[in-house]
C-alpha atoms as a PDB file:
ATOM      1  CA  MET A   1       0.017  -0.156  -0.086  1.00  0.00           C
ATOM      2  CA  SER A   2       1.259   3.398  -0.588  1.00  0.00           C
ATOM      3  CA  SER A   3       2.742   5.892   1.782  1.00  0.00           C
ATOM      4  CA  HIS A   4       1.606   9.089  -0.163  1.00  0.00           C
ATOM      5  CA  LEU A   5      -1.640  11.026   1.114  1.00  0.00           C
ATOM      6  CA  SER A   6      -3.393  13.046  -1.910  1.00  0.00           C
ATOM      7  CA  SER A   7      -3.185  16.066   0.096  1.00  0.00           C
ATOM      8  CA  ASN A   8      -1.479  17.298   3.270  1.00  0.00           C
ATOM      9  CA  ASN A   9      -3.859  16.460   6.589  1.00  0.00           C
ATOM     10  CA  VAL A  10      -3.994  18.886   9.388  1.00  0.00           C
ATOM     11  CA  ILE A  11      -4.580  17.379  12.669  1.00  0.00           C
ATOM     12  CA  GLU A  12      -5.528  20.044  15.493  1.00  0.00           C
ATOM     13  CA  ASN A  13      -5.236  19.748  18.957  1.00  0.00           C
ATOM     14  CA  VAL A  14      -2.521  17.643  19.313  1.00  0.00           C
ATOM     15  CA  VAL A  15      -0.359  17.006  22.456  1.00  0.00           C
ATOM     16  CA  GLN A  16       3.420  16.578  21.983  1.00  0.00           C
ATOM     17  CA  SER A  17       5.375  15.024  24.800  1.00  0.00           C
ATOM     18  CA  LYS A  18       8.097  12.639  25.107  1.00  0.00           C
ATOM     19  CA  MET A  19       8.528   8.628  25.909  1.00  0.00           C
ATOM     20  CA  ARG A  20      12.074   7.280  26.966  1.00  0.00           C
ATOM     21  CA  GLY A  21      13.487  10.354  25.193  1.00  0.00           C
ATOM     22  CA  ARG A  22      11.260   9.551  22.079  1.00  0.00           C
ATOM     23  CA  ILE A  23       9.126  12.516  20.612  1.00  0.00           C
ATOM     24  CA  ILE A  24       5.181  11.264  20.715  1.00  0.00           C
ATOM     25  CA  TYR A  25       2.404  12.817  19.731  1.00  0.00           C
ATOM     26  CA  GLN A  26      -1.190  12.262  21.068  1.00  0.00           C
ATOM     27  CA  GLY A  27      -4.667  13.293  19.338  1.00  0.00           C
ATOM     28  CA  SER A  28      -7.495  12.235  18.088  1.00  0.00           C
ATOM     29  CA  VAL A  29      -9.072  12.449  14.319  1.00  0.00           C
ATOM     30  CA  SER A  30     -12.191  11.414  12.653  1.00  0.00           C
ATOM     31  CA  SER A  31     -12.734   7.956  11.500  1.00  0.00           C
ATOM     32  CA  GLN A  32     -12.969   9.091   7.895  1.00  0.00           C
ATOM     33  CA  VAL A  33      -9.374  10.703   8.350  1.00  0.00           C
ATOM     34  CA  ALA A  34      -8.157   7.838  10.470  1.00  0.00           C
ATOM     35  CA  ILE A  35      -9.000   5.100   7.715  1.00  0.00           C
ATOM     36  CA  ASN A  36      -6.879   6.656   5.398  1.00  0.00           C
ATOM     37  CA  PHE A  37      -4.005   8.482   7.259  1.00  0.00           C
ATOM     38  CA  SER A  38      -1.850   5.465   7.687  1.00  0.00           C
ATOM     39  CA  TYR A  39      -0.983   1.870   6.184  1.00  0.00           C
ATOM     40  CA  SER A  40      -0.189  -1.492   7.177  1.00  0.00           C
ATOM     41  CA  LYS A  41       3.519  -3.165   6.033  1.00  0.00           C
ATOM     42  CA  LEU A  42       2.545  -6.718   5.624  1.00  0.00           C
ATOM     43  CA  PHE A  43       5.032  -9.355   6.367  1.00  0.00           C
ATOM     44  CA  ASN A  44       5.553  -9.997   2.622  1.00  0.00           C
ATOM     45  CA  ASP A  45       6.447  -6.462   2.035  1.00  0.00           C
ATOM     46  CA  SER A  46       9.235  -6.309  -0.971  1.00  0.00           C
ATOM     47  CA  SER A  47      11.300  -4.153   1.481  1.00  0.00           C
ATOM     48  CA  GLY A  48      12.098  -7.020   3.409  1.00  0.00           C
ATOM     49  CA  LYS A  49      10.611  -5.006   6.721  1.00  0.00           C
ATOM     50  CA  GLY A  50       6.883  -6.237   6.475  1.00  0.00           C
ATOM     51  CA  TYR A  51       5.721  -7.383   9.721  1.00  0.00           C
ATOM     52  CA  GLN A  52       2.142  -7.134   9.798  1.00  0.00           C
ATOM     53  CA  ARG A  53      -0.385 -10.533   9.255  1.00  0.00           C
ATOM     54  CA  PRO A  54      -3.178  -9.955   6.769  1.00  0.00           C
ATOM     55  CA  ILE A  55      -6.207  -8.727   7.992  1.00  0.00           C
ATOM     56  CA  ASN A  56      -8.532 -11.268   9.623  1.00  0.00           C
ATOM     57  CA  LYS A  57     -11.854 -10.679   8.299  1.00  0.00           C
ATOM     58  CA  LYS A  58     -13.653 -12.184  11.065  1.00  0.00           C
ATOM     59  CA  ARG A  59     -12.001  -9.874  13.787  1.00  0.00           C
ATOM     60  CA  CYS A  60     -12.837  -6.880  11.941  1.00  0.00           C
ATOM     61  CA  LYS A  61     -16.636  -7.873  11.772  1.00  0.00           C
ATOM     62  CA  ASP A  62     -16.336  -8.646  15.554  1.00  0.00           C
ATOM     63  CA  PHE A  63     -15.239  -5.125  16.140  1.00  0.00           C
ATOM     64  CA  ALA A  64     -17.804  -3.490  14.205  1.00  0.00           C
ATOM     65  CA  ASP A  65     -20.469  -5.281  15.903  1.00  0.00           C
ATOM     66  CA  TYR A  66     -19.095  -4.088  19.113  1.00  0.00           C
ATOM     67  CA  LEU A  67     -19.061  -0.637  17.949  1.00  0.00           C
ATOM     68  CA  SER A  68     -22.778  -1.263  17.157  1.00  0.00           C
ATOM     69  CA  GLN A  69     -23.729  -1.359  20.821  1.00  0.00           C
ATOM     70  CA  GLY A  70     -23.022   2.199  21.546  1.00  0.00           C
ATOM     71  CA  GLU A  71     -21.525   4.361  23.762  1.00  0.00           C
ATOM     72  CA  ASP A  72     -19.980   1.754  26.092  1.00  0.00           C
ATOM     73  CA  SER A  73     -18.444   0.308  23.259  1.00  0.00           C
ATOM     74  CA  LEU A  74     -14.870   1.868  24.221  1.00  0.00           C
ATOM     75  CA  TYR A  75     -11.389   1.296  22.570  1.00  0.00           C
ATOM     76  CA  THR A  76      -7.919   1.875  22.786  1.00  0.00           C
ATOM     77  CA  PRO A  77      -5.390   4.414  20.767  1.00  0.00           C
ATOM     78  CA  ILE A  78      -4.124   3.340  17.769  1.00  0.00           C
ATOM     79  CA  LEU A  79      -0.148   2.977  17.297  1.00  0.00           C
ATOM     80  CA  LEU A  80       1.703   4.911  14.895  1.00  0.00           C
ATOM     81  CA  ASN A  81       5.283   5.782  13.206  1.00  0.00           C
ATOM     82  CA  ALA A  82       5.211   9.216  11.822  1.00  0.00           C
ATOM     83  CA  ALA A  83       8.596   8.157  10.264  1.00  0.00           C
ATOM     84  CA  SER A  84       9.678  12.125  10.260  1.00  0.00           C
ATOM     85  CA  ASN A  85       6.862  12.792   8.239  1.00  0.00           C
ATOM     86  CA  TRP A  86       4.184  14.696  10.106  1.00  0.00           C
ATOM     87  CA  GLU A  87       5.612  18.054  11.464  1.00  0.00           C
ATOM     88  CA  PHE A  88       4.109  19.556  14.889  1.00  0.00           C
ATOM     89  CA  HIS A  89       3.581  23.361  14.926  1.00  0.00           C
ATOM     90  CA  ALA A  90       2.392  24.714  18.651  1.00  0.00           C
ATOM     91  CA  TYR A  91      -0.265  27.280  18.717  1.00  0.00           C
ATOM     92  CA  ASP A  92       1.955  29.699  20.599  1.00  0.00           C
ATOM     93  CA  ARG A  93       5.083  29.946  22.829  1.00  0.00           C
ATOM     94  CA  GLN A  94       3.342  29.943  26.384  1.00  0.00           C
ATOM     95  CA  ARG A  95       1.940  26.393  25.234  1.00  0.00           C
ATOM     96  CA  PRO A  96       4.569  24.788  23.218  1.00  0.00           C
ATOM     97  CA  SER A  97       3.256  21.092  23.674  1.00  0.00           C
ATOM     98  CA  TYR A  98       0.035  21.978  22.427  1.00  0.00           C
ATOM     99  CA  GLY A  99      -0.625  22.454  18.443  1.00  0.00           C
ATOM    100  CA  ARG A 100      -1.457  20.783  15.185  1.00  0.00           C
ATOM    101  CA  LEU A 101       0.449  18.309  13.273  1.00  0.00           C
ATOM    102  CA  VAL A 102       1.189  18.754   9.604  1.00  0.00           C
ATOM    103  CA  CYS A 103       1.245  14.937   7.518  1.00  0.00           C
ATOM    104  CA  ARG A 104       2.741  15.065   4.695  1.00  0.00           C
ATOM    105  CA  LYS A 105       2.812  11.117   4.258  1.00  0.00           C
ATOM    106  CA  LYS A 106       0.860   8.474   5.881  1.00  0.00           C
ATOM    107  CA  ALA A 107       2.033   7.034   9.083  1.00  0.00           C
ATOM    108  CA  THR A 108       2.946   3.247   9.227  1.00  0.00           C
ATOM    109  CA  LEU A 109       0.291   1.472  11.605  1.00  0.00           C
ATOM    110  CA  MET A 110       1.983  -0.906  14.274  1.00  0.00           C
ATOM    111  CA  ASP A 111      -1.012  -1.736  16.516  1.00  0.00           C
ATOM    112  CA  GLY A 112      -4.955  -1.239  15.388  1.00  0.00           C
ATOM    113  CA  GLN A 113      -4.998  -2.601  11.982  1.00  0.00           C
ATOM    114  CA  HIS A 114      -8.137  -4.643  12.919  1.00  0.00           C
ATOM    115  CA  ARG A 115      -9.982  -2.012  15.086  1.00  0.00           C
ATOM    116  CA  LEU A 116      -9.319   0.211  11.867  1.00  0.00           C
ATOM    117  CA  ALA A 117     -10.963  -1.793   9.623  1.00  0.00           C
ATOM    118  CA  GLY A 118     -13.645  -2.537  11.838  1.00  0.00           C
ATOM    119  CA  ILE A 119     -14.175   1.121  12.271  1.00  0.00           C
ATOM    120  CA  LYS A 120     -14.079   1.426   8.458  1.00  0.00           C
ATOM    121  CA  GLU A 121     -16.907  -1.109   8.284  1.00  0.00           C
ATOM    122  CA  TYR A 122     -18.976   0.053  10.974  1.00  0.00           C
ATOM    123  CA  ILE A 123     -18.992   3.778   9.442  1.00  0.00           C
ATOM    124  CA  GLU A 124     -20.037   2.537   5.920  1.00  0.00           C
ATOM    125  CA  GLU A 125     -22.668   0.550   7.441  1.00  0.00           C
ATOM    126  CA  THR A 126     -24.185   3.265   9.675  1.00  0.00           C
ATOM    127  CA  ASP A 127     -23.203   6.432   7.552  1.00  0.00           C
ATOM    128  CA  SER A 128     -21.862   7.818  10.765  1.00  0.00           C
ATOM    129  CA  THR A 129     -18.490   9.131  12.191  1.00  0.00           C
ATOM    130  CA  LEU A 130     -16.411   8.215  15.181  1.00  0.00           C
ATOM    131  CA  ASN A 131     -13.436  10.042  16.981  1.00  0.00           C
ATOM    132  CA  VAL A 132     -10.836   7.723  16.826  1.00  0.00           C
ATOM    133  CA  PRO A 133      -7.847   8.545  19.261  1.00  0.00           C
ATOM    134  CA  PHE A 134      -4.088   8.082  18.421  1.00  0.00           C
ATOM    135  CA  LEU A 135      -0.377   7.687  19.619  1.00  0.00           C
ATOM    136  CA  ALA A 136       2.603   8.472  17.030  1.00  0.00           C
ATOM    137  CA  PHE A 137       6.210   8.243  17.392  1.00  0.00           C
ATOM    138  CA  HIS A 138       7.560  10.825  15.503  1.00  0.00           C
ATOM    139  CA  TYR A 139      10.265   8.675  14.285  1.00  0.00           C
ATOM    140  CA  LEU A 140      11.170   5.179  14.905  1.00  0.00           C
ATOM    141  CA  ASP A 141      13.829   3.452  12.154  1.00  0.00           C
ATOM    142  CA  GLU A 142      12.183   0.386  10.375  1.00  0.00           C
ATOM    143  CA  ASP A 143      13.898  -2.367  12.865  1.00  0.00           C
ATOM    144  CA  GLU A 144      12.630  -0.653  15.906  1.00  0.00           C
ATOM    145  CA  GLU A 145       9.161  -0.338  14.604  1.00  0.00           C
ATOM    146  CA  ILE A 146       9.137  -4.414  14.181  1.00  0.00           C
ATOM    147  CA  LYS A 147      10.934  -4.550  17.762  1.00  0.00           C
ATOM    148  CA  LEU A 148       7.955  -2.565  19.380  1.00  0.00           C
ATOM    149  CA  PHE A 149       5.470  -4.814  17.214  1.00  0.00           C
ATOM    150  CA  ASP A 150       7.032  -7.795  18.486  1.00  0.00           C
ATOM    151  CA  VAL A 151       6.924  -6.999  21.864  1.00  0.00           C
ATOM    152  CA  ILE A 152       3.145  -5.747  21.309  1.00  0.00           C
ATOM    153  CA  ASN A 153       2.114  -8.877  20.272  1.00  0.00           C
ATOM    154  CA  THR A 154       4.381 -11.776  21.946  1.00  0.00           C
ATOM    155  CA  LYS A 155       5.481 -10.205  25.393  1.00  0.00           C
ATOM    156  CA  ALA A 156       2.335  -8.306  26.315  1.00  0.00           C
ATOM    157  CA  LYS A 157       0.087 -10.804  27.456  1.00  0.00           C
ATOM    158  CA  GLY A 158      -3.822 -10.906  26.888  1.00  0.00           C
ATOM    159  CA  ILE A 159      -6.201 -11.116  30.344  1.00  0.00           C
ATOM    160  CA  GLY A 160      -7.171 -14.665  29.415  1.00  0.00           C
ATOM    161  CA  THR A 161     -10.493 -16.333  28.576  1.00  0.00           C
ATOM    162  CA  SER A 162     -11.131 -17.026  32.232  1.00  0.00           C
ATOM    163  CA  LEU A 163     -10.620 -13.675  33.669  1.00  0.00           C
ATOM    164  CA  SER A 164     -12.666 -12.249  30.522  1.00  0.00           C
ATOM    165  CA  ARG A 165     -15.530 -14.381  31.298  1.00  0.00           C
ATOM    166  CA  TYR A 166     -15.121 -13.055  35.122  1.00  0.00           C
ATOM    167  CA  LEU A 167     -15.480  -9.432  33.819  1.00  0.00           C
ATOM    168  CA  ASN A 168     -18.652 -10.151  31.831  1.00  0.00           C
ATOM    169  CA  ARG A 169     -20.552 -12.236  34.519  1.00  0.00           C
ATOM    170  CA  ASP A 170     -23.310  -9.672  34.961  1.00  0.00           C
ATOM    171  CA  ASN A 171     -23.690  -9.482  31.070  1.00  0.00           C
ATOM    172  CA  ASP A 172     -23.510 -13.526  30.288  1.00  0.00           C
ATOM    173  CA  ASP A 173     -25.580 -15.876  31.963  1.00  0.00           C
ATOM    174  CA  PHE A 174     -23.036 -18.915  31.716  1.00  0.00           C
ATOM    175  CA  SER A 175     -19.962 -16.541  32.928  1.00  0.00           C
ATOM    176  CA  TRP A 176     -22.173 -15.865  35.565  1.00  0.00           C
ATOM    177  CA  VAL A 177     -22.948 -19.592  36.518  1.00  0.00           C
ATOM    178  CA  ALA A 178     -19.301 -20.233  35.959  1.00  0.00           C
ATOM    179  CA  THR A 179     -18.362 -17.839  38.286  1.00  0.00           C
ATOM    180  CA  ASN A 180     -20.498 -19.145  41.038  1.00  0.00           C
ATOM    181  CA  LEU A 181     -19.616 -22.354  40.717  1.00  0.00           C
ATOM    182  CA  ILE A 182     -16.395 -21.170  41.986  1.00  0.00           C
ATOM    183  CA  LEU A 183     -17.523 -18.721  44.851  1.00  0.00           C
ATOM    184  CA  LYS A 184     -20.276 -20.573  46.249  1.00  0.00           C
ATOM    185  CA  PRO A 185     -18.989 -22.758  49.413  1.00  0.00           C
ATOM    186  CA  GLU A 186     -21.858 -25.384  48.628  1.00  0.00           C
ATOM    187  CA  SER A 187     -20.656 -25.906  45.075  1.00  0.00           C
ATOM    188  CA  PRO A 188     -18.196 -29.053  44.381  1.00  0.00           C
ATOM    189  CA  PHE A 189     -16.061 -26.587  42.395  1.00  0.00           C
ATOM    190  CA  PHE A 190     -15.317 -24.019  45.363  1.00  0.00           C
ATOM    191  CA  SER A 191     -12.152 -25.618  46.527  1.00  0.00           C
ATOM    192  CA  LYS A 192     -10.944 -26.735  43.010  1.00  0.00           C
ATOM    193  CA  GLY A 193     -11.924 -23.309  40.496  1.00  0.00           C
ATOM    194  CA  THR A 194      -9.663 -20.453  39.634  1.00  0.00           C
ATOM    195  CA  LEU A 195     -11.579 -17.359  38.390  1.00  0.00           C
ATOM    196  CA  ILE A 196      -8.330 -15.685  36.372  1.00  0.00           C
ATOM    197  CA  GLY A 197      -7.345 -18.803  34.950  1.00  0.00           C
ATOM    198  CA  LYS A 198      -3.927 -19.533  36.807  1.00  0.00           C
ATOM    199  CA  ARG A 199      -4.019 -23.241  37.811  1.00  0.00           C
ATOM    200  CA  SER A 200      -2.437 -24.561  40.855  1.00  0.00           C
ATOM    201  CA  LYS A 201      -2.259 -28.067  42.360  1.00  0.00           C
ATOM    202  CA  GLU A 202      -5.307 -27.353  44.465  1.00  0.00           C
ATOM    203  CA  LYS A 203      -7.281 -25.180  42.270  1.00  0.00           C
ATOM    204  CA  HIS A 204      -6.721 -26.747  38.601  1.00  0.00           C
ATOM    205  CA  ILE A 205     -10.078 -25.985  37.083  1.00  0.00           C
ATOM    206  CA  THR A 206     -10.401 -22.613  35.329  1.00  0.00           C
ATOM    207  CA  LEU A 207     -13.758 -20.551  35.036  1.00  0.00           C
ATOM    208  CA  GLN A 208     -13.394 -21.058  31.340  1.00  0.00           C
ATOM    209  CA  ASN A 209     -13.216 -24.989  32.060  1.00  0.00           C
ATOM    210  CA  LEU A 210     -16.432 -24.526  34.126  1.00  0.00           C
ATOM    211  CA  TYR A 211     -18.283 -22.377  31.144  1.00  0.00           C
ATOM    212  CA  GLN A 212     -17.799 -25.040  28.860  1.00  0.00           C
ATOM    213  CA  ILE A 213     -18.988 -27.600  31.425  1.00  0.00           C
ATOM    214  CA  VAL A 214     -22.159 -25.199  31.831  1.00  0.00           C
ATOM    215  CA  ASN A 215     -22.480 -25.113  28.249  1.00  0.00           C
ATOM    216  CA  LEU A 216     -22.358 -29.229  27.547  1.00  0.00           C
ATOM    217  CA  ILE A 217     -24.791 -29.326  30.612  1.00  0.00           C
ATOM    218  CA  THR A 218     -27.533 -27.398  28.666  1.00  0.00           C
ATOM    219  CA  LYS A 219     -26.457 -27.884  25.064  1.00  0.00           C
ATOM    220  CA  LYS A 220     -29.678 -28.452  22.686  1.00  0.00           C
ATOM    221  CA  SER A 221     -32.114 -28.673  25.247  1.00  0.00           C
ATOM    222  CA  ASP A 222     -34.895 -26.655  27.127  1.00  0.00           C
ATOM    223  CA  LEU A 223     -32.254 -26.376  30.123  1.00  0.00           C
ATOM    224  CA  ILE A 224     -30.746 -23.456  28.290  1.00  0.00           C
ATOM    225  CA  LYS A 225     -34.045 -21.663  28.359  1.00  0.00           C
ATOM    226  CA  LEU A 226     -34.030 -21.533  32.419  1.00  0.00           C
ATOM    227  CA  PRO A 227     -33.065 -18.689  34.331  1.00  0.00           C
ATOM    228  CA  LYS A 228     -29.508 -18.648  35.351  1.00  0.00           C
ATOM    229  CA  GLU A 229     -30.061 -19.562  39.225  1.00  0.00           C
ATOM    230  CA  LYS A 230     -31.860 -22.744  38.087  1.00  0.00           C
ATOM    231  CA  ILE A 231     -29.036 -23.539  35.761  1.00  0.00           C
ATOM    232  CA  LEU A 232     -26.561 -23.001  38.716  1.00  0.00           C
ATOM    233  CA  ASN A 233     -28.683 -25.047  40.827  1.00  0.00           C
ATOM    234  CA  ILE A 234     -29.190 -27.974  38.547  1.00  0.00           C
ATOM    235  CA  THR A 235     -25.434 -28.099  37.557  1.00  0.00           C
ATOM    236  CA  MET A 236     -24.383 -28.012  41.445  1.00  0.00           C
ATOM    237  CA  VAL A 237     -26.771 -30.538  42.218  1.00  0.00           C
ATOM    238  CA  TYR A 238     -25.399 -33.023  39.388  1.00  0.00           C
ATOM    239  CA  PHE A 239     -21.757 -32.929  40.118  1.00  0.00           C
ATOM    240  CA  ASN A 240     -22.586 -32.851  44.028  1.00  0.00           C
ATOM    241  CA  LEU A 241     -24.322 -36.269  43.534  1.00  0.00           C
ATOM    242  CA  ILE A 242     -20.908 -37.495  41.589  1.00  0.00           C
ATOM    243  CA  LYS A 243     -18.611 -36.044  44.497  1.00  0.00           C
ATOM    244  CA  GLU A 244     -21.075 -37.662  47.260  1.00  0.00           C
ATOM    245  CA  LEU A 245     -20.749 -40.778  45.525  1.00  0.00           C
ATOM    246  CA  MET A 246     -16.809 -41.093  44.658  1.00  0.00           C
ATOM    247  CA  PRO A 247     -15.574 -38.824  47.356  1.00  0.00           C
ATOM    248  CA  ASP A 248     -12.019 -40.086  47.379  1.00  0.00           C
ATOM    249  CA  GLU A 249     -11.740 -39.579  43.449  1.00  0.00           C
ATOM    250  CA  TRP A 250     -13.194 -36.373  43.307  1.00  0.00           C
ATOM    251  CA  ASP A 251     -10.884 -35.171  46.037  1.00  0.00           C
ATOM    252  CA  ASP A 252      -7.750 -36.752  45.212  1.00  0.00           C
ATOM    253  CA  TYR A 253      -6.650 -34.810  41.619  1.00  0.00           C
ATOM    254  CA  LYS A 254      -3.175 -36.187  41.819  1.00  0.00           C
ATOM    255  CA  ASN A 255      -4.368 -39.827  41.879  1.00  0.00           C
ATOM    256  CA  TYR A 256      -7.355 -39.939  39.994  1.00  0.00           C
ATOM    257  CA  ARG A 257      -8.752 -38.316  36.908  1.00  0.00           C
ATOM    258  CA  LEU A 258     -12.551 -37.562  37.677  1.00  0.00           C
ATOM    259  CA  THR A 259     -11.962 -34.119  38.010  1.00  0.00           C
ATOM    260  CA  HIS A 260      -9.538 -33.855  35.019  1.00  0.00           C
ATOM    261  CA  ILE A 261     -10.873 -31.818  32.444  1.00  0.00           C
ATOM    262  CA  THR A 262     -11.728 -34.023  29.914  1.00  0.00           C
ATOM    263  CA  CYS A 263     -13.170 -36.534  32.520  1.00  0.00           C
ATOM    264  CA  LEU A 264     -15.443 -33.543  33.764  1.00  0.00           C
ATOM    265  CA  ASN A 265     -16.364 -32.684  29.877  1.00  0.00           C
ATOM    266  CA  ALA A 266     -17.452 -36.378  29.402  1.00  0.00           C
ATOM    267  CA  LEU A 267     -19.582 -36.279  32.282  1.00  0.00           C
ATOM    268  CA  SER A 268     -21.177 -33.096  31.687  1.00  0.00           C
ATOM    269  CA  ILE A 269     -22.364 -34.358  27.904  1.00  0.00           C
ATOM    270  CA  VAL A 270     -23.882 -37.632  29.557  1.00  0.00           C
ATOM    271  CA  GLY A 271     -25.038 -35.433  32.637  1.00  0.00           C
ATOM    272  CA  ASN A 272     -27.079 -33.289  29.808  1.00  0.00           C
ATOM    273  CA  GLU A 273     -29.134 -36.812  28.495  1.00  0.00           C
ATOM    274  CA  LEU A 274     -29.478 -37.573  32.243  1.00  0.00           C
ATOM    275  CA  ILE A 275     -30.813 -34.319  33.935  1.00  0.00           C
ATOM    276  CA  ASN A 276     -32.988 -33.983  30.750  1.00  0.00           C
ATOM    277  CA  GLU A 277     -34.419 -37.664  31.105  1.00  0.00           C
ATOM    278  CA  ASN A 278     -35.225 -37.167  34.861  1.00  0.00           C
ATOM    279  CA  TYR A 279     -36.498 -33.673  34.995  1.00  0.00           C
ATOM    280  CA  LEU A 280     -39.521 -32.256  37.165  1.00  0.00           C
ATOM    281  CA  SER A 281     -41.020 -29.625  34.935  1.00  0.00           C
ATOM    282  CA  LYS A 282     -43.623 -28.547  38.003  1.00  0.00           C
ATOM    283  CA  SER A 283     -40.508 -28.189  40.218  1.00  0.00           C
ATOM    284  CA  GLN A 284     -38.005 -27.023  37.666  1.00  0.00           C
ATOM    285  CA  GLN A 285     -35.620 -29.405  39.612  1.00  0.00           C
ATOM    286  CA  PRO A 286     -33.851 -32.766  38.501  1.00  0.00           C
ATOM    287  CA  ASP A 287     -34.753 -36.042  40.088  1.00  0.00           C
ATOM    288  CA  SER A 288     -31.973 -36.649  42.242  1.00  0.00           C
ATOM    289  CA  ALA A 289     -32.671 -39.851  43.482  1.00  0.00           C
ATOM    290  CA  LYS A 290     -33.227 -41.208  39.932  1.00  0.00           C
ATOM    291  CA  ILE A 291     -30.040 -39.572  38.555  1.00  0.00           C
ATOM    292  CA  SER A 292     -27.822 -40.805  41.552  1.00  0.00           C
ATOM    293  CA  LYS A 293     -29.519 -44.258  41.224  1.00  0.00           C
ATOM    294  CA  LYS A 294     -27.833 -44.219  37.561  1.00  0.00           C
ATOM    295  CA  LEU A 295     -24.574 -42.560  38.640  1.00  0.00           C
ATOM    296  CA  LEU A 296     -24.225 -45.559  40.982  1.00  0.00           C
ATOM    297  CA  ASN A 297     -22.468 -47.691  38.402  1.00  0.00           C
ATOM    298  CA  LEU A 298     -19.601 -44.741  37.950  1.00  0.00           C
ATOM    299  CA  GLY A 299     -17.685 -46.938  40.259  1.00  0.00           C
ATOM    300  CA  GLU A 300     -17.013 -49.634  37.874  1.00  0.00           C
ATOM    301  CA  ILE A 301     -14.837 -47.344  35.922  1.00  0.00           C
ATOM    302  CA  ASP A 302     -11.198 -46.946  36.870  1.00  0.00           C
ATOM    303  CA  TRP A 303     -10.884 -43.321  37.447  1.00  0.00           C
ATOM    304  CA  SER A 304      -7.050 -43.856  38.201  1.00  0.00           C
ATOM    305  CA  VAL A 305      -4.206 -41.951  36.448  1.00  0.00           C
ATOM    306  CA  SER A 306      -2.579 -45.059  36.191  1.00  0.00           C
ATOM    307  CA  GLY A 307      -5.498 -46.720  34.427  1.00  0.00           C
ATOM    308  CA  ASP A 308      -6.882 -46.871  30.628  1.00  0.00           C
ATOM    309  CA  LEU A 309      -7.822 -42.948  31.526  1.00  0.00           C
ATOM    310  CA  LYS A 310      -4.432 -41.686  31.481  1.00  0.00           C
ATOM    311  CA  PHE A 311      -4.514 -41.697  27.526  1.00  0.00           C
ATOM    312  CA  VAL A 312      -7.756 -40.052  27.252  1.00  0.00           C
ATOM    313  CA  LYS A 313      -7.404 -36.459  25.956  1.00  0.00           C
ATOM    314  CA  GLY A 314      -9.013 -34.060  23.731  1.00  0.00           C
ATOM    315  CA  VAL A 315     -12.192 -33.565  22.019  1.00  0.00           C
ATOM    316  CA  ALA A 316     -12.036 -37.425  20.646  1.00  0.00           C
ATOM    317  CA  GLY A 317     -11.048 -38.605  24.082  1.00  0.00           C
ATOM    318  CA  THR A 318     -13.939 -36.920  25.733  1.00  0.00           C
ATOM    319  CA  LYS A 319     -16.514 -38.421  23.222  1.00  0.00           C
ATOM    320  CA  MET A 320     -15.054 -42.147  23.906  1.00  0.00           C
ATOM    321  CA  LEU A 321     -15.409 -41.760  27.464  1.00  0.00           C
ATOM    322  CA  ALA A 322     -18.795 -40.229  27.217  1.00  0.00           C
ATOM    323  CA  ASP A 323     -19.838 -43.693  25.376  1.00  0.00           C
ATOM    324  CA  ASP A 324     -18.307 -45.308  27.875  1.00  0.00           C
ATOM    325  CA  ILE A 325     -20.299 -43.732  31.047  1.00  0.00           C
ATOM    326  CA  ARG A 326     -23.577 -44.051  29.053  1.00  0.00           C
ATOM    327  CA  ASN A 327     -22.455 -48.202  28.797  1.00  0.00           C
ATOM    328  CA  CYS A 328     -21.555 -48.103  32.229  1.00  0.00           C
ATOM    329  CA  ILE A 329     -25.135 -46.284  33.709  1.00  0.00           C
ATOM    330  CA  LYS A 330     -27.584 -48.102  31.387  1.00  0.00           C
END
């Protein structure tokens, strides 16, 4: 993509400062200016100094959908390298750090290409204008630019799926249920769950793992239509029955695989069927006595880490174990 602008862009109300001795500019522009005043250096750029991945259209669409949620859909500044092609002019001597930028060429976009592409899609669909914040380095050479891009995308870690679920617990029912499966003392996962995704010997089940368990418990059934409080109670009832039937296996993660994620997922798949087959519509509760009677035969499976289950892993292993559990409880 060309670095040339059809004419000079002037950006008003810009603050000039320094970061680690480098001059930086901070300000904002309209979305129409933002999608045209920078360009991405793709990894296969003929200069040999490219680094950006090709645009992922789904990520752009997801961001455009996020923007459509309204005023709560905030976003971070895009990061640019002006490569000495932008000139700063202070409005007056009394405020030397506040003024306008004259952009003679496009800046290179180091971080934010999917945000910008999503913004472009959004404003084209809605015929609207957004305010897009930016932070621009006055000058980085190409190697510095590549190094900073690498740091942003490899050294800086995202918050993780589990923490994201926790932060969205008030907006997403399954996230709320998964969170409470960890927080409620009466939950069988109370002493085993971690909210932020960091596992330990004691807390080896993440919030994201529990989110998936709730999804499997309710998948393709009327259970998904129930209030979140009911789904939470049903999930606790089911897994508490398993815990009560096999307390040693439940509590000993080191020697038994019962609470390993593959096994919990398999139990959830079968639980979906058991709960739906033994559901009391009037009370909106599973028939615990009937389900418990079915689960009695779970003890016939060798749950030890040294048994056959040590080879059971992944989606295929989960499905295979679910089949074994079905055969066992018939």
